[in-house]
Amino acid sequence: MGTFFGHWLVTAIALMAADWMLDGVHVGSGLALAFGALLLGLVNALVRPVLVVLTLPITVLTLGLFYLVVNGAAFALASFLAPGVSVSSFGSAVAGALVVTLVSWGLSWLTRRTQEARRF
């Protein structure tokens, strides 16, 4: 799914999975889900790369574990900006970011495999 709508849909499904799996992540409505997925994509595209560069030394010192904190901070920022999406704690934000990452990766892998199978 190389289109904007495809990425947005995958992010929305992943955010819905985080809401379903974690007690600390709550999405109020479908409109909040759509807007939250849009903001999460924007934060991941614009803010997270800056955070990654600024925290590179500490990420190297922690052998990459600080990257989880950066993802959690981006997830918390997106939930703060999106009305109807709430995260109860920073730990929930880190767990939510991890769930969204894993579900998005899995869905993207599945859709890529399906598209490759159609070509042959």
C-alpha atoms as a PDB file:
ATOM      1  CA  MET A   1       0.000   0.000   0.000  1.00  0.00           C
ATOM      2  CA  GLY A   2       2.041   2.884  -1.259  1.00  0.00           C
ATOM      3  CA  THR A   3      -0.687   5.503  -1.146  1.00  0.00           C
ATOM      4  CA  PHE A   4      -1.395   8.056   1.554  1.00  0.00           C
ATOM      5  CA  PHE A   5      -4.821   6.544   2.154  1.00  0.00           C
ATOM      6  CA  GLY A   6      -3.313   3.076   2.513  1.00  0.00           C
ATOM      7  CA  HIS A   7      -0.813   4.198   5.130  1.00  0.00           C
ATOM      8  CA  TRP A   8      -3.501   6.156   6.945  1.00  0.00           C
ATOM      9  CA  LEU A   9      -5.804   3.126   6.985  1.00  0.00           C
ATOM     10  CA  VAL A  10      -3.054   0.854   8.315  1.00  0.00           C
ATOM     11  CA  THR A  11      -2.220   3.384  11.047  1.00  0.00           C
ATOM     12  CA  ALA A  12      -5.898   3.666  11.992  1.00  0.00           C
ATOM     13  CA  ILE A  13      -6.229  -0.116  12.273  1.00  0.00           C
ATOM     14  CA  ALA A  14      -3.043  -0.257  14.353  1.00  0.00           C
ATOM     15  CA  LEU A  15      -4.318   2.521  16.636  1.00  0.00           C
ATOM     16  CA  MET A  16      -7.592   0.642  17.036  1.00  0.00           C
ATOM     17  CA  ALA A  17      -5.594  -2.474  17.989  1.00  0.00           C
ATOM     18  CA  ALA A  18      -3.685  -0.467  20.604  1.00  0.00           C
ATOM     19  CA  ASP A  19      -6.998   0.767  22.026  1.00  0.00           C
ATOM     20  CA  TRP A  20      -8.291  -2.793  22.149  1.00  0.00           C
ATOM     21  CA  MET A  21      -5.139  -4.348  23.633  1.00  0.00           C
ATOM     22  CA  LEU A  22      -4.068  -1.726  26.181  1.00  0.00           C
ATOM     23  CA  ASP A  23      -6.033  -0.304  29.099  1.00  0.00           C
ATOM     24  CA  GLY A  24      -4.002   2.917  29.068  1.00  0.00           C
ATOM     25  CA  VAL A  25      -4.851   3.877  25.468  1.00  0.00           C
ATOM     26  CA  HIS A  26      -8.384   5.041  24.708  1.00  0.00           C
ATOM     27  CA  VAL A  27      -9.918   6.227  21.433  1.00  0.00           C
ATOM     28  CA  GLY A  28     -13.310   7.855  21.905  1.00  0.00           C
ATOM     29  CA  SER A  29     -14.957   7.526  18.488  1.00  0.00           C
ATOM     30  CA  GLY A  30     -14.423   6.731  14.840  1.00  0.00           C
ATOM     31  CA  LEU A  31     -13.764  10.370  14.057  1.00  0.00           C
ATOM     32  CA  ALA A  32     -11.200  10.520  16.867  1.00  0.00           C
ATOM     33  CA  LEU A  33      -9.617   7.358  15.451  1.00  0.00           C
ATOM     34  CA  ALA A  34      -9.352   8.867  11.964  1.00  0.00           C
ATOM     35  CA  PHE A  35      -7.973  12.167  13.242  1.00  0.00           C
ATOM     36  CA  GLY A  36      -5.628  10.416  15.685  1.00  0.00           C
ATOM     37  CA  ALA A  37      -4.222   8.229  12.903  1.00  0.00           C
ATOM     38  CA  LEU A  38      -3.675  11.314  10.739  1.00  0.00           C
ATOM     39  CA  LEU A  39      -1.892  13.157  13.551  1.00  0.00           C
ATOM     40  CA  LEU A  40       0.166  10.100  14.438  1.00  0.00           C
ATOM     41  CA  GLY A  41       1.339   9.910  10.832  1.00  0.00           C
ATOM     42  CA  LEU A  42       2.212  13.608  10.795  1.00  0.00           C
ATOM     43  CA  VAL A  43       4.088  13.425  14.099  1.00  0.00           C
ATOM     44  CA  ASN A  44       5.970  10.338  12.890  1.00  0.00           C
ATOM     45  CA  ALA A  45       6.879  12.106   9.643  1.00  0.00           C
ATOM     46  CA  LEU A  46       7.802  15.527  11.028  1.00  0.00           C
ATOM     47  CA  VAL A  47       8.689  15.414  14.720  1.00  0.00           C
ATOM     48  CA  ARG A  48      10.097  11.937  15.305  1.00  0.00           C
ATOM     49  CA  PRO A  49      13.041  12.312  12.856  1.00  0.00           C
ATOM     50  CA  VAL A  50      14.137  15.456  14.715  1.00  0.00           C
ATOM     51  CA  LEU A  51      13.884  13.625  18.045  1.00  0.00           C
ATOM     52  CA  VAL A  52      15.871  10.695  16.656  1.00  0.00           C
ATOM     53  CA  VAL A  53      18.711  12.965  15.549  1.00  0.00           C
ATOM     54  CA  LEU A  54      18.736  14.925  18.817  1.00  0.00           C
ATOM     55  CA  THR A  55      18.796  11.776  20.950  1.00  0.00           C
ATOM     56  CA  LEU A  56      21.223   9.791  18.812  1.00  0.00           C
ATOM     57  CA  PRO A  57      24.088   9.812  21.363  1.00  0.00           C
ATOM     58  CA  ILE A  58      21.930   8.433  24.180  1.00  0.00           C
ATOM     59  CA  THR A  59      20.329   5.940  21.802  1.00  0.00           C
ATOM     60  CA  VAL A  60      23.788   4.635  20.890  1.00  0.00           C
ATOM     61  CA  LEU A  61      24.808   4.466  24.572  1.00  0.00           C
ATOM     62  CA  THR A  62      21.692   2.444  25.444  1.00  0.00           C
ATOM     63  CA  LEU A  63      22.194   0.168  22.433  1.00  0.00           C
ATOM     64  CA  GLY A  64      18.999   1.392  20.810  1.00  0.00           C
ATOM     65  CA  LEU A  65      16.660   1.010  23.785  1.00  0.00           C
ATOM     66  CA  PHE A  66      16.144   4.776  24.070  1.00  0.00           C
ATOM     67  CA  TYR A  67      14.443   4.601  20.674  1.00  0.00           C
ATOM     68  CA  LEU A  68      11.437   3.129  22.522  1.00  0.00           C
ATOM     69  CA  VAL A  69      11.303   6.311  24.604  1.00  0.00           C
ATOM     70  CA  VAL A  70      11.420   8.450  21.447  1.00  0.00           C
ATOM     71  CA  ASN A  71       8.559   6.438  19.912  1.00  0.00           C
ATOM     72  CA  GLY A  72       6.591   6.744  23.149  1.00  0.00           C
ATOM     73  CA  ALA A  73       7.130  10.507  23.204  1.00  0.00           C
ATOM     74  CA  ALA A  74       5.898  10.804  19.602  1.00  0.00           C
ATOM     75  CA  PHE A  75       2.847   8.654  20.428  1.00  0.00           C
ATOM     76  CA  ALA A  76       2.117  10.735  23.543  1.00  0.00           C
ATOM     77  CA  LEU A  77       2.414  13.971  21.540  1.00  0.00           C
ATOM     78  CA  ALA A  78       0.016  12.712  18.879  1.00  0.00           C
ATOM     79  CA  SER A  79      -2.498  11.588  21.514  1.00  0.00           C
ATOM     80  CA  PHE A  80      -2.213  14.964  23.258  1.00  0.00           C
ATOM     81  CA  LEU A  81      -2.945  16.812  20.013  1.00  0.00           C
ATOM     82  CA  ALA A  82      -5.811  14.546  18.912  1.00  0.00           C
ATOM     83  CA  PRO A  83      -9.111  15.215  20.647  1.00  0.00           C
ATOM     84  CA  GLY A  84     -10.778  11.993  21.721  1.00  0.00           C
ATOM     85  CA  VAL A  85      -7.523  10.034  21.969  1.00  0.00           C
ATOM     86  CA  SER A  86      -6.045   9.675  25.442  1.00  0.00           C
ATOM     87  CA  VAL A  87      -3.066   7.928  26.975  1.00  0.00           C
ATOM     88  CA  SER A  88      -3.022   7.450  30.738  1.00  0.00           C
ATOM     89  CA  SER A  89       0.747   7.366  31.326  1.00  0.00           C
ATOM     90  CA  PHE A  90       4.084   7.483  29.568  1.00  0.00           C
ATOM     91  CA  GLY A  91       4.396   3.722  29.972  1.00  0.00           C
ATOM     92  CA  SER A  92       1.087   3.348  28.152  1.00  0.00           C
ATOM     93  CA  ALA A  93       2.408   5.652  25.423  1.00  0.00           C
ATOM     94  CA  VAL A  94       5.513   3.484  24.972  1.00  0.00           C
ATOM     95  CA  ALA A  95       3.389   0.310  24.922  1.00  0.00           C
ATOM     96  CA  GLY A  96       0.934   1.954  22.502  1.00  0.00           C
ATOM     97  CA  ALA A  97       3.750   2.990  20.190  1.00  0.00           C
ATOM     98  CA  LEU A  98       5.105  -0.558  20.283  1.00  0.00           C
ATOM     99  CA  VAL A  99       1.697  -2.062  19.464  1.00  0.00           C
ATOM    100  CA  VAL A 100       1.082   0.428  16.650  1.00  0.00           C
ATOM    101  CA  THR A 101       4.539  -0.266  15.212  1.00  0.00           C
ATOM    102  CA  LEU A 102       4.133  -4.039  15.295  1.00  0.00           C
ATOM    103  CA  VAL A 103       0.580  -4.053  13.910  1.00  0.00           C
ATOM    104  CA  SER A 104       1.476  -1.554  11.170  1.00  0.00           C
ATOM    105  CA  TRP A 105       4.517  -3.607  10.216  1.00  0.00           C
ATOM    106  CA  GLY A 106       2.463  -6.805  10.110  1.00  0.00           C
ATOM    107  CA  LEU A 107      -0.325  -5.281   8.028  1.00  0.00           C
ATOM    108  CA  SER A 108       2.145  -3.680   5.630  1.00  0.00           C
ATOM    109  CA  TRP A 109       3.945  -7.012   5.238  1.00  0.00           C
ATOM    110  CA  LEU A 110       0.667  -8.808   4.543  1.00  0.00           C
ATOM    111  CA  THR A 111      -0.492  -6.286   1.961  1.00  0.00           C
ATOM    112  CA  ARG A 112       2.917  -6.296   0.269  1.00  0.00           C
ATOM    113  CA  ARG A 113       2.859 -10.108   0.051  1.00  0.00           C
ATOM    114  CA  THR A 114      -0.680 -10.007  -1.369  1.00  0.00           C
ATOM    115  CA  GLN A 115       0.297  -7.464  -4.020  1.00  0.00           C
ATOM    116  CA  GLU A 116       3.363  -9.514  -4.985  1.00  0.00           C
ATOM    117  CA  ALA A 117       1.239 -12.661  -5.322  1.00  0.00           C
ATOM    118  CA  ARG A 118      -1.168 -10.867  -7.683  1.00  0.00           C
ATOM    119  CA  ARG A 119       1.677  -9.903 -10.013  1.00  0.00           C
ATOM    120  CA  PHE A 120       2.656 -13.500 -10.736  1.00  0.00           C
END
